[in-house]
């Protein structure tokens, strides 16, 4: 079993190799503007999960996913030629949801800002519901109660 540092180094190397190969271009017209965001290796270095994003519409994302699936064998051959490992890892391409998650977080932050502003507006004209001093004071005994 390989150590985690070797798996991380191999993942970085695979990320570079695939990104350079995609930069040089594939002969598939379905491939859009693809960015490799991350590669994760299994502990035995036999499987690599390649995360990618595609800039464009949902149709372009689906076309790019099909193009990457079709080019998996060629990209694995390219990886095998350029790494110094006994076995070439199998590749799995997974669409990364970073842009969608970022847009969702942005809308949540905007909603939180609007709610904060609304609560600030309510707090400006607010008054306390109870007495000025809400703490219970100890009872003072009079002369009669001693």
Protein backbone atom coordinates (compact mmCIF):
# COMPACT_ATOMS: atom_id res chain seq x y z
CA UNK A 1 0.00 0.00 0.00
CA UNK A 2 1.41 3.39 -0.99
CA UNK A 3 1.68 6.28 1.39
CA UNK A 4 -0.51 9.35 1.04
CA UNK A 5 2.30 11.61 -0.14
CA UNK A 6 3.02 9.34 -3.10
CA UNK A 7 -0.68 9.22 -3.97
CA UNK A 8 -0.88 13.03 -3.78
CA UNK A 9 2.19 13.46 -5.99
CA UNK A 10 0.86 10.98 -8.51
CA UNK A 11 -2.54 12.71 -8.50
CA UNK A 12 -0.89 16.07 -9.20
CA UNK A 13 1.14 14.55 -12.01
CA UNK A 14 -1.95 12.95 -13.57
CA UNK A 15 -3.78 16.27 -13.31
CA UNK A 16 -0.95 18.00 -15.22
CA UNK A 17 -0.78 15.29 -17.89
CA UNK A 18 -4.52 15.30 -18.60
CA UNK A 19 -4.73 19.10 -18.55
CA UNK A 20 -1.86 19.40 -21.04
CA UNK A 21 -3.40 16.78 -23.30
CA UNK A 22 -6.77 18.53 -23.24
CA UNK A 23 -5.00 21.84 -23.93
CA UNK A 24 -3.42 20.35 -27.03
CA UNK A 25 -6.91 19.27 -28.03
CA UNK A 26 -8.83 16.13 -28.76
CA UNK A 27 -10.35 15.40 -32.13
CA UNK A 28 -13.80 15.31 -30.61
CA UNK A 29 -15.96 18.32 -31.54
CA UNK A 30 -18.23 17.68 -28.54
CA UNK A 31 -15.49 18.67 -26.10
CA UNK A 32 -16.10 22.15 -24.71
CA UNK A 33 -14.09 24.39 -22.41
CA UNK A 34 -13.03 21.78 -19.83
CA UNK A 35 -11.01 22.57 -16.71
CA UNK A 36 -9.49 19.80 -14.59
CA UNK A 37 -10.07 20.84 -10.97
CA UNK A 38 -8.81 17.89 -8.94
CA UNK A 39 -7.58 14.30 -9.11
CA UNK A 40 -7.96 11.85 -6.23
CA UNK A 41 -6.13 8.54 -6.09
CA UNK A 42 -7.05 5.40 -4.22
CA UNK A 43 -4.58 4.12 -1.64
CA UNK A 44 -3.34 1.33 -3.91
CA UNK A 45 -2.74 3.82 -6.79
CA UNK A 46 -4.89 1.82 -9.20
CA UNK A 47 -7.81 4.20 -9.67
CA UNK A 48 -7.91 7.95 -10.27
CA UNK A 49 -11.05 10.05 -9.99
CA UNK A 50 -10.64 13.11 -12.22
CA UNK A 51 -12.91 16.05 -11.34
CA UNK A 52 -13.63 18.59 -14.06
CA UNK A 53 -15.81 21.60 -14.78
CA UNK A 54 -17.21 22.74 -18.11
CA UNK A 55 -17.99 26.34 -18.94
CA UNK A 56 -21.24 26.55 -20.85
CA UNK A 57 -24.80 25.32 -20.99
CA UNK A 58 -26.16 22.01 -19.73
CA UNK A 59 -26.06 20.62 -23.25
CA UNK A 60 -22.37 21.53 -23.61
CA UNK A 61 -21.68 19.88 -20.24
CA UNK A 62 -23.39 16.68 -21.36
CA UNK A 63 -21.50 16.70 -24.68
CA UNK A 64 -18.19 17.27 -22.90
CA UNK A 65 -18.94 14.43 -20.48
CA UNK A 66 -19.60 12.10 -23.41
CA UNK A 67 -16.39 13.24 -25.13
CA UNK A 68 -14.31 12.62 -22.00
CA UNK A 69 -15.88 9.20 -21.56
CA UNK A 70 -15.01 8.36 -25.16
CA UNK A 71 -11.44 9.62 -24.74
CA UNK A 72 -10.79 7.83 -21.44
CA UNK A 73 -8.69 5.08 -23.05
CA UNK A 74 -6.53 7.52 -24.99
CA UNK A 75 -6.03 9.69 -21.89
CA UNK A 76 -5.13 6.63 -19.81
CA UNK A 77 -2.52 5.68 -22.42
CA UNK A 78 -1.13 9.21 -22.23
CA UNK A 79 -0.97 9.00 -18.44
CA UNK A 80 0.75 5.58 -18.62
CA UNK A 81 3.47 6.93 -20.90
CA UNK A 82 4.25 9.88 -18.62
CA UNK A 83 4.24 8.46 -15.09
CA UNK A 84 6.75 6.24 -13.38
CA UNK A 85 4.41 3.71 -11.81
CA UNK A 86 4.28 -0.01 -12.33
CA UNK A 87 0.57 0.06 -13.13
CA UNK A 88 -1.38 2.70 -15.00
CA UNK A 89 -4.38 3.75 -12.93
CA UNK A 90 -7.86 3.55 -14.39
CA UNK A 91 -9.49 6.94 -14.93
CA UNK A 92 -12.97 8.03 -13.97
CA UNK A 93 -14.21 11.48 -14.98
CA UNK A 94 -16.61 13.13 -12.53
CA UNK A 95 -18.31 16.47 -13.19
CA UNK A 96 -17.40 18.86 -10.39
CA UNK A 97 -20.27 20.94 -9.02
CA UNK A 98 -18.13 23.86 -7.84
CA UNK A 99 -19.80 26.55 -10.02
CA UNK A 100 -23.31 25.47 -9.04
CA UNK A 101 -22.36 25.30 -5.35
CA UNK A 102 -20.72 28.72 -5.53
CA UNK A 103 -23.83 30.25 -7.11
CA UNK A 104 -26.04 28.64 -4.45
CA UNK A 105 -23.81 29.94 -1.65
CA UNK A 106 -23.88 33.41 -3.22
CA UNK A 107 -27.70 33.45 -3.21
CA UNK A 108 -27.74 32.25 0.41
CA UNK A 109 -25.32 35.01 1.41
CA UNK A 110 -27.47 37.63 -0.34
CA UNK A 111 -30.57 36.34 1.45
CA UNK A 112 -28.72 36.50 4.79
CA UNK A 113 -27.67 40.10 4.05
CA UNK A 114 -31.27 41.05 3.35
CA UNK A 115 -32.49 39.42 6.57
CA UNK A 116 -29.75 41.17 8.57
CA UNK A 117 -30.78 44.50 7.11
CA UNK A 118 -34.43 43.82 7.95
CA UNK A 119 -33.56 42.93 11.54
CA UNK A 120 -31.45 46.12 11.83
CA UNK A 121 -34.43 48.16 10.66
CA UNK A 122 -36.64 46.51 13.29
CA UNK A 123 -34.05 47.02 16.04
CA UNK A 124 -33.78 50.78 15.45
CA UNK A 125 -37.25 51.58 16.75
CA UNK A 126 -37.47 48.78 19.31
CA UNK A 127 -38.00 49.26 23.03
CA UNK A 128 -37.45 46.86 25.90
CA UNK A 129 -40.48 44.75 26.83
CA UNK A 130 -39.90 44.70 30.58
CA UNK A 131 -38.63 47.04 33.27
CA UNK A 132 -35.50 49.08 32.87
CA UNK A 133 -33.72 46.80 35.33
CA UNK A 134 -34.94 43.22 34.75
CA UNK A 135 -32.86 41.61 37.50
CA UNK A 136 -34.54 40.45 40.69
CA UNK A 137 -33.41 42.42 43.74
CA UNK A 138 -33.21 40.89 47.18
CA UNK A 139 -36.13 41.80 49.33
CA UNK A 140 -35.45 44.51 51.89
CA UNK A 141 -36.86 43.69 55.28
CA UNK A 142 -38.62 46.40 57.16
CA UNK A 143 -38.62 46.93 60.91
CA UNK A 144 -41.88 45.05 61.28
CA UNK A 145 -40.67 41.89 59.59
CA UNK A 146 -37.57 41.25 61.76
